[in-house]
């Protein structure tokens, strides 16, 4: 029986990954890495900084200062969010209401720093609807390591096997799978590929479709 649903935030609850992607490309170009493209930004979604830095150096050479470029990216993202605002992903209110009605716990496990996470969830009016909100910055290793999902499960007092983890990125899916959760992908900027698909419990078009998934798989009483 599914006892909890743990959500990633960016690209799952809020439509921010498009801004991160654009900002990564602009920040890298400003630093002189004109060959940095959308595909490279996609690799960085939810990725542990140490691993991300190593990956970018492998691709672009030792001169790629990941941390300095990330600081520029952060400023660019803030500018974009100021301009465009935070957009909720479709189905968020419906799935949270459903989980509350069925007394299924809800949590957030994100790569975003906890202060910014709380701010964003407050802005879209859902912060108080989660039993726990945790960040990968609170654990030793970020996604794709399992640490943040294991931490989230511990915080809500549930076995990972009884938890669905909702993710949009390969790094997030790998993290949830390694923790022993049931990964459900709600695609945002990319679809599941041949490497990721075997790790998935299911794919849902929107957050609202997770409700039908839970019912159809008879994991909860209905």
C-alpha atoms as a PDB file:
ATOM      1  CA  UNK A   1       0.000   0.000   0.000  1.00  0.00           C
ATOM      2  CA  UNK A   2       1.222   3.475  -0.853  1.00  0.00           C
ATOM      3  CA  UNK A   3       1.488   5.483   2.347  1.00  0.00           C
ATOM      4  CA  UNK A   4       3.188   8.621   1.030  1.00  0.00           C
ATOM      5  CA  UNK A   5       3.952  10.563  -2.122  1.00  0.00           C
ATOM      6  CA  UNK A   6       7.221  12.503  -2.168  1.00  0.00           C
ATOM      7  CA  UNK A   7       7.543  15.233  -4.780  1.00  0.00           C
ATOM      8  CA  UNK A   8      10.531  16.874  -6.371  1.00  0.00           C
ATOM      9  CA  UNK A   9       9.871  20.616  -6.711  1.00  0.00           C
ATOM     10  CA  UNK A  10      11.405  22.203  -9.808  1.00  0.00           C
ATOM     11  CA  UNK A  11       9.809  20.839 -12.948  1.00  0.00           C
ATOM     12  CA  UNK A  12       7.289  18.840 -10.896  1.00  0.00           C
ATOM     13  CA  UNK A  13       5.432  21.265  -8.636  1.00  0.00           C
ATOM     14  CA  UNK A  14       6.533  24.510 -10.269  1.00  0.00           C
ATOM     15  CA  UNK A  15       7.382  25.234 -13.893  1.00  0.00           C
ATOM     16  CA  UNK A  16      10.913  26.493 -13.307  1.00  0.00           C
ATOM     17  CA  UNK A  17      13.178  24.082 -15.180  1.00  0.00           C
ATOM     18  CA  UNK A  18      12.755  26.063 -18.405  1.00  0.00           C
ATOM     19  CA  UNK A  19      14.202  29.081 -16.596  1.00  0.00           C
ATOM     20  CA  UNK A  20      17.089  27.088 -15.129  1.00  0.00           C
ATOM     21  CA  UNK A  21      17.875  25.692 -18.564  1.00  0.00           C
ATOM     22  CA  UNK A  22      17.941  29.075 -20.254  1.00  0.00           C
ATOM     23  CA  UNK A  23      19.937  30.611 -17.393  1.00  0.00           C
ATOM     24  CA  UNK A  24      22.572  27.850 -17.408  1.00  0.00           C
ATOM     25  CA  UNK A  25      23.134  28.379 -21.118  1.00  0.00           C
ATOM     26  CA  UNK A  26      23.409  32.155 -20.778  1.00  0.00           C
ATOM     27  CA  UNK A  27      25.727  31.942 -17.757  1.00  0.00           C
ATOM     28  CA  UNK A  28      28.029  29.447 -19.493  1.00  0.00           C
ATOM     29  CA  UNK A  29      28.112  31.552 -22.660  1.00  0.00           C
ATOM     30  CA  UNK A  30      29.048  34.627 -20.624  1.00  0.00           C
ATOM     31  CA  UNK A  31      31.933  32.614 -19.186  1.00  0.00           C
ATOM     32  CA  UNK A  32      33.163  31.881 -22.701  1.00  0.00           C
ATOM     33  CA  UNK A  33      31.773  28.383 -23.175  1.00  0.00           C
ATOM     34  CA  UNK A  34      29.851  28.981 -26.390  1.00  0.00           C
ATOM     35  CA  UNK A  35      29.462  25.237 -26.996  1.00  0.00           C
ATOM     36  CA  UNK A  36      27.413  24.844 -23.813  1.00  0.00           C
ATOM     37  CA  UNK A  37      23.957  23.852 -25.050  1.00  0.00           C
ATOM     38  CA  UNK A  38      20.534  22.820 -23.830  1.00  0.00           C
ATOM     39  CA  UNK A  39      21.638  19.192 -23.555  1.00  0.00           C
ATOM     40  CA  UNK A  40      24.333  20.150 -21.052  1.00  0.00           C
ATOM     41  CA  UNK A  41      21.909  22.146 -18.930  1.00  0.00           C
ATOM     42  CA  UNK A  42      19.573  19.168 -18.892  1.00  0.00           C
ATOM     43  CA  UNK A  43      22.358  17.032 -17.422  1.00  0.00           C
ATOM     44  CA  UNK A  44      22.537  19.391 -14.443  1.00  0.00           C
ATOM     45  CA  UNK A  45      18.906  19.025 -13.359  1.00  0.00           C
ATOM     46  CA  UNK A  46      18.810  18.098  -9.643  1.00  0.00           C
ATOM     47  CA  UNK A  47      22.463  17.035  -9.835  1.00  0.00           C
ATOM     48  CA  UNK A  48      24.804  16.996  -6.852  1.00  0.00           C
ATOM     49  CA  UNK A  49      27.195  19.962  -7.262  1.00  0.00           C
ATOM     50  CA  UNK A  50      30.389  17.941  -6.883  1.00  0.00           C
ATOM     51  CA  UNK A  51      29.270  15.462  -9.530  1.00  0.00           C
ATOM     52  CA  UNK A  52      27.991  18.258 -11.763  1.00  0.00           C
ATOM     53  CA  UNK A  53      31.307  20.080 -11.562  1.00  0.00           C
ATOM     54  CA  UNK A  54      33.208  16.950 -12.521  1.00  0.00           C
ATOM     55  CA  UNK A  55      30.882  16.237 -15.452  1.00  0.00           C
ATOM     56  CA  UNK A  56      31.254  19.743 -16.856  1.00  0.00           C
ATOM     57  CA  UNK A  57      35.044  19.640 -16.520  1.00  0.00           C
ATOM     58  CA  UNK A  58      35.066  16.307 -18.366  1.00  0.00           C
ATOM     59  CA  UNK A  59      33.134  17.920 -21.201  1.00  0.00           C
ATOM     60  CA  UNK A  60      34.556  21.440 -21.337  1.00  0.00           C
ATOM     61  CA  UNK A  61      37.925  21.103 -19.632  1.00  0.00           C
ATOM     62  CA  UNK A  62      39.403  22.127 -16.306  1.00  0.00           C
ATOM     63  CA  UNK A  63      38.649  25.794 -16.995  1.00  0.00           C
ATOM     64  CA  UNK A  64      34.921  25.284 -16.508  1.00  0.00           C
ATOM     65  CA  UNK A  65      34.346  26.879 -13.079  1.00  0.00           C
ATOM     66  CA  UNK A  66      31.027  25.261 -12.260  1.00  0.00           C
ATOM     67  CA  UNK A  67      30.514  27.098  -8.981  1.00  0.00           C
ATOM     68  CA  UNK A  68      31.228  30.552 -10.401  1.00  0.00           C
ATOM     69  CA  UNK A  69      28.979  29.915 -13.395  1.00  0.00           C
ATOM     70  CA  UNK A  70      26.268  28.607 -11.063  1.00  0.00           C
ATOM     71  CA  UNK A  71      26.331  31.883  -9.118  1.00  0.00           C
ATOM     72  CA  UNK A  72      25.691  33.793 -12.342  1.00  0.00           C
ATOM     73  CA  UNK A  73      22.958  31.301 -13.212  1.00  0.00           C
ATOM     74  CA  UNK A  74      21.293  31.882  -9.844  1.00  0.00           C
ATOM     75  CA  UNK A  75      21.091  35.596 -10.518  1.00  0.00           C
ATOM     76  CA  UNK A  76      19.689  35.031 -13.982  1.00  0.00           C
ATOM     77  CA  UNK A  77      17.038  32.647 -12.655  1.00  0.00           C
ATOM     78  CA  UNK A  78      16.005  35.187 -10.033  1.00  0.00           C
ATOM     79  CA  UNK A  79      15.648  37.801 -12.767  1.00  0.00           C
ATOM     80  CA  UNK A  80      13.543  35.475 -14.891  1.00  0.00           C
ATOM     81  CA  UNK A  81      11.267  34.552 -11.999  1.00  0.00           C
ATOM     82  CA  UNK A  82      10.858  38.229 -11.159  1.00  0.00           C
ATOM     83  CA  UNK A  83       9.838  38.847 -14.757  1.00  0.00           C
ATOM     84  CA  UNK A  84       7.670  35.800 -15.426  1.00  0.00           C
ATOM     85  CA  UNK A  85       6.559  34.751 -11.938  1.00  0.00           C
ATOM     86  CA  UNK A  86       6.206  31.258 -10.502  1.00  0.00           C
ATOM     87  CA  UNK A  87       3.870  28.978 -12.417  1.00  0.00           C
ATOM     88  CA  UNK A  88       2.256  25.954 -10.765  1.00  0.00           C
ATOM     89  CA  UNK A  89       2.412  22.727 -12.721  1.00  0.00           C
ATOM     90  CA  UNK A  90      -0.953  21.346 -13.868  1.00  0.00           C
ATOM     91  CA  UNK A  91      -2.773  19.115 -11.391  1.00  0.00           C
ATOM     92  CA  UNK A  92      -0.930  20.128  -8.227  1.00  0.00           C
ATOM     93  CA  UNK A  93      -4.021  21.228  -6.317  1.00  0.00           C
ATOM     94  CA  UNK A  94      -5.982  18.185  -7.428  1.00  0.00           C
ATOM     95  CA  UNK A  95      -3.386  15.628  -6.356  1.00  0.00           C
ATOM     96  CA  UNK A  96      -2.695  17.320  -3.011  1.00  0.00           C
ATOM     97  CA  UNK A  97      -6.415  17.450  -2.228  1.00  0.00           C
ATOM     98  CA  UNK A  98      -6.731  13.775  -3.144  1.00  0.00           C
ATOM     99  CA  UNK A  99      -3.818  12.754  -0.925  1.00  0.00           C
ATOM    100  CA  UNK A 100      -5.233  14.734   1.979  1.00  0.00           C
ATOM    101  CA  UNK A 101      -8.656  13.178   1.493  1.00  0.00           C
ATOM    102  CA  UNK A 102      -7.175   9.663   1.468  1.00  0.00           C
ATOM    103  CA  UNK A 103      -4.857  10.430   4.401  1.00  0.00           C
ATOM    104  CA  UNK A 104      -1.769   9.678   2.309  1.00  0.00           C
ATOM    105  CA  UNK A 105       1.272  11.653   3.439  1.00  0.00           C
ATOM    106  CA  UNK A 106       2.821  14.229   1.124  1.00  0.00           C
ATOM    107  CA  UNK A 107       6.412  15.464   1.222  1.00  0.00           C
ATOM    108  CA  UNK A 108       8.921  17.381  -0.873  1.00  0.00           C
ATOM    109  CA  UNK A 109      12.504  16.246  -1.573  1.00  0.00           C
ATOM    110  CA  UNK A 110      14.271  18.816  -3.722  1.00  0.00           C
ATOM    111  CA  UNK A 111      17.781  19.792  -4.766  1.00  0.00           C
ATOM    112  CA  UNK A 112      16.923  23.457  -4.146  1.00  0.00           C
ATOM    113  CA  UNK A 113      18.133  25.050  -0.872  1.00  0.00           C
ATOM    114  CA  UNK A 114      15.520  24.746   1.854  1.00  0.00           C
ATOM    115  CA  UNK A 115      14.996  28.500   2.350  1.00  0.00           C
ATOM    116  CA  UNK A 116      14.269  29.058  -1.334  1.00  0.00           C
ATOM    117  CA  UNK A 117      12.124  25.919  -1.442  1.00  0.00           C
ATOM    118  CA  UNK A 118       9.928  27.145   1.404  1.00  0.00           C
ATOM    119  CA  UNK A 119       9.689  30.565  -0.209  1.00  0.00           C
ATOM    120  CA  UNK A 120       8.590  29.153  -3.553  1.00  0.00           C
ATOM    121  CA  UNK A 121       6.051  26.747  -2.064  1.00  0.00           C
ATOM    122  CA  UNK A 122       4.654  29.584   0.031  1.00  0.00           C
ATOM    123  CA  UNK A 123       4.347  31.760  -3.062  1.00  0.00           C
ATOM    124  CA  UNK A 124       2.245  29.187  -4.885  1.00  0.00           C
ATOM    125  CA  UNK A 125       0.136  28.552  -1.802  1.00  0.00           C
ATOM    126  CA  UNK A 126       0.952  24.904  -1.049  1.00  0.00           C
ATOM    127  CA  UNK A 127       3.677  24.986   1.622  1.00  0.00           C
ATOM    128  CA  UNK A 128       1.341  23.992   4.459  1.00  0.00           C
ATOM    129  CA  UNK A 129      -0.031  21.005   2.542  1.00  0.00           C
ATOM    130  CA  UNK A 130       3.090  18.880   3.007  1.00  0.00           C
ATOM    131  CA  UNK A 131       3.953  16.756   6.023  1.00  0.00           C
ATOM    132  CA  UNK A 132       7.669  17.401   5.505  1.00  0.00           C
ATOM    133  CA  UNK A 133       9.804  19.483   3.147  1.00  0.00           C
ATOM    134  CA  UNK A 134      13.484  18.544   2.803  1.00  0.00           C
ATOM    135  CA  UNK A 135      16.415  19.597   0.644  1.00  0.00           C
ATOM    136  CA  UNK A 136      19.410  17.705  -0.695  1.00  0.00           C
ATOM    137  CA  UNK A 137      21.479  20.470   0.902  1.00  0.00           C
ATOM    138  CA  UNK A 138      20.553  18.875   4.256  1.00  0.00           C
ATOM    139  CA  UNK A 139      22.219  15.531   3.443  1.00  0.00           C
ATOM    140  CA  UNK A 140      25.715  14.365   2.549  1.00  0.00           C
ATOM    141  CA  UNK A 141      25.137  13.673  -1.144  1.00  0.00           C
ATOM    142  CA  UNK A 142      22.675  15.165  -3.583  1.00  0.00           C
ATOM    143  CA  UNK A 143      20.767  13.424  -6.358  1.00  0.00           C
ATOM    144  CA  UNK A 144      21.367  10.939  -8.019  1.00  0.00           C
ATOM    145  CA  UNK A 145      22.513   9.522  -4.659  1.00  0.00           C
ATOM    146  CA  UNK A 146      19.603   8.225  -2.545  1.00  0.00           C
ATOM    147  CA  UNK A 147      20.335  10.383   0.518  1.00  0.00           C
ATOM    148  CA  UNK A 148      17.579  12.974   0.190  1.00  0.00           C
ATOM    149  CA  UNK A 149      14.850  10.380  -0.373  1.00  0.00           C
ATOM    150  CA  UNK A 150      16.056   8.254   2.516  1.00  0.00           C
ATOM    151  CA  UNK A 151      16.046  11.394   4.659  1.00  0.00           C
ATOM    152  CA  UNK A 152      12.531  12.319   3.532  1.00  0.00           C
ATOM    153  CA  UNK A 153      11.214   8.832   4.265  1.00  0.00           C
ATOM    154  CA  UNK A 154      12.797   8.950   7.705  1.00  0.00           C
ATOM    155  CA  UNK A 155      11.237  12.322   8.386  1.00  0.00           C
ATOM    156  CA  UNK A 156       7.726  11.085   7.575  1.00  0.00           C
ATOM    157  CA  UNK A 157       8.268   7.713   9.229  1.00  0.00           C
ATOM    158  CA  UNK A 158       7.576   5.553   6.181  1.00  0.00           C
ATOM    159  CA  UNK A 159       9.446   2.741   4.450  1.00  0.00           C
ATOM    160  CA  UNK A 160      10.714   3.818   0.992  1.00  0.00           C
ATOM    161  CA  UNK A 161       8.953   0.833  -0.574  1.00  0.00           C
ATOM    162  CA  UNK A 162       5.644   2.346   0.534  1.00  0.00           C
ATOM    163  CA  UNK A 163       6.422   5.727  -1.028  1.00  0.00           C
ATOM    164  CA  UNK A 164       5.921   7.017  -4.550  1.00  0.00           C
ATOM    165  CA  UNK A 165       8.569   9.529  -5.630  1.00  0.00           C
ATOM    166  CA  UNK A 166       7.462  11.988  -8.307  1.00  0.00           C
ATOM    167  CA  UNK A 167      10.293  13.246 -10.499  1.00  0.00           C
ATOM    168  CA  UNK A 168      10.892  14.864 -13.885  1.00  0.00           C
ATOM    169  CA  UNK A 169      14.643  14.320 -14.335  1.00  0.00           C
ATOM    170  CA  UNK A 170      16.910  11.283 -14.716  1.00  0.00           C
ATOM    171  CA  UNK A 171      18.996  12.318 -11.694  1.00  0.00           C
ATOM    172  CA  UNK A 172      15.874  12.461  -9.576  1.00  0.00           C
ATOM    173  CA  UNK A 173      14.619   9.121 -10.851  1.00  0.00           C
ATOM    174  CA  UNK A 174      17.960   7.478 -10.082  1.00  0.00           C
ATOM    175  CA  UNK A 175      17.926   8.955  -6.576  1.00  0.00           C
ATOM    176  CA  UNK A 176      14.425   7.714  -5.801  1.00  0.00           C
ATOM    177  CA  UNK A 177      15.107   4.274  -7.254  1.00  0.00           C
ATOM    178  CA  UNK A 178      18.348   3.883  -5.311  1.00  0.00           C
ATOM    179  CA  UNK A 179      16.491   4.785  -2.112  1.00  0.00           C
ATOM    180  CA  UNK A 180      13.967   2.020  -2.724  1.00  0.00           C
ATOM    181  CA  UNK A 181      11.035   4.305  -3.514  1.00  0.00           C
ATOM    182  CA  UNK A 182       8.646   3.778  -6.427  1.00  0.00           C
ATOM    183  CA  UNK A 183       9.647   6.405  -9.015  1.00  0.00           C
ATOM    184  CA  UNK A 184       6.904   8.010 -11.074  1.00  0.00           C
ATOM    185  CA  UNK A 185       8.044  10.315 -13.840  1.00  0.00           C
ATOM    186  CA  UNK A 186       5.954  13.305 -14.844  1.00  0.00           C
ATOM    187  CA  UNK A 187       7.958  14.459 -17.879  1.00  0.00           C
ATOM    188  CA  UNK A 188       8.805  18.141 -18.143  1.00  0.00           C
ATOM    189  CA  UNK A 189      11.641  19.023 -20.515  1.00  0.00           C
ATOM    190  CA  UNK A 190      12.444  15.432 -21.501  1.00  0.00           C
ATOM    191  CA  UNK A 191      10.739  12.077 -21.843  1.00  0.00           C
ATOM    192  CA  UNK A 192      12.041   8.872 -20.188  1.00  0.00           C
ATOM    193  CA  UNK A 193      14.733   7.201 -22.258  1.00  0.00           C
ATOM    194  CA  UNK A 194      15.835   3.581 -22.507  1.00  0.00           C
ATOM    195  CA  UNK A 195      18.134   3.964 -19.513  1.00  0.00           C
ATOM    196  CA  UNK A 196      15.525   5.507 -17.218  1.00  0.00           C
ATOM    197  CA  UNK A 197      12.383   3.620 -18.234  1.00  0.00           C
ATOM    198  CA  UNK A 198      13.358   0.329 -16.486  1.00  0.00           C
ATOM    199  CA  UNK A 199      13.689   2.240 -13.190  1.00  0.00           C
ATOM    200  CA  UNK A 200      10.163   3.620 -13.325  1.00  0.00           C
ATOM    201  CA  UNK A 201       7.134   2.448 -11.431  1.00  0.00           C
ATOM    202  CA  UNK A 202       5.015   4.461 -13.863  1.00  0.00           C
ATOM    203  CA  UNK A 203       4.864   7.534 -16.104  1.00  0.00           C
ATOM    204  CA  UNK A 204       2.108  10.120 -15.638  1.00  0.00           C
ATOM    205  CA  UNK A 205       1.293  12.951 -18.025  1.00  0.00           C
ATOM    206  CA  UNK A 206       0.381  15.360 -15.224  1.00  0.00           C
ATOM    207  CA  UNK A 207       0.301  15.422 -11.433  1.00  0.00           C
ATOM    208  CA  UNK A 208      -3.448  14.879 -11.539  1.00  0.00           C
ATOM    209  CA  UNK A 209      -2.905  11.583 -13.371  1.00  0.00           C
ATOM    210  CA  UNK A 210      -1.120  10.206 -10.310  1.00  0.00           C
ATOM    211  CA  UNK A 211      -4.526  10.013  -8.651  1.00  0.00           C
ATOM    212  CA  UNK A 212      -5.771   7.664 -11.351  1.00  0.00           C
ATOM    213  CA  UNK A 213      -2.514   5.742 -11.160  1.00  0.00           C
ATOM    214  CA  UNK A 214      -2.992   5.106  -7.446  1.00  0.00           C
ATOM    215  CA  UNK A 215      -6.553   3.974  -7.944  1.00  0.00           C
ATOM    216  CA  UNK A 216      -5.849   1.833 -11.013  1.00  0.00           C
ATOM    217  CA  UNK A 217      -3.003  -0.006  -9.328  1.00  0.00           C
ATOM    218  CA  UNK A 218      -5.232  -0.692  -6.308  1.00  0.00           C
ATOM    219  CA  UNK A 219      -2.523   0.522  -3.953  1.00  0.00           C
ATOM    220  CA  UNK A 220      -5.034   2.387  -1.813  1.00  0.00           C
ATOM    221  CA  UNK A 221      -8.550   1.675  -0.686  1.00  0.00           C
ATOM    222  CA  UNK A 222     -11.232   3.132  -2.911  1.00  0.00           C
END
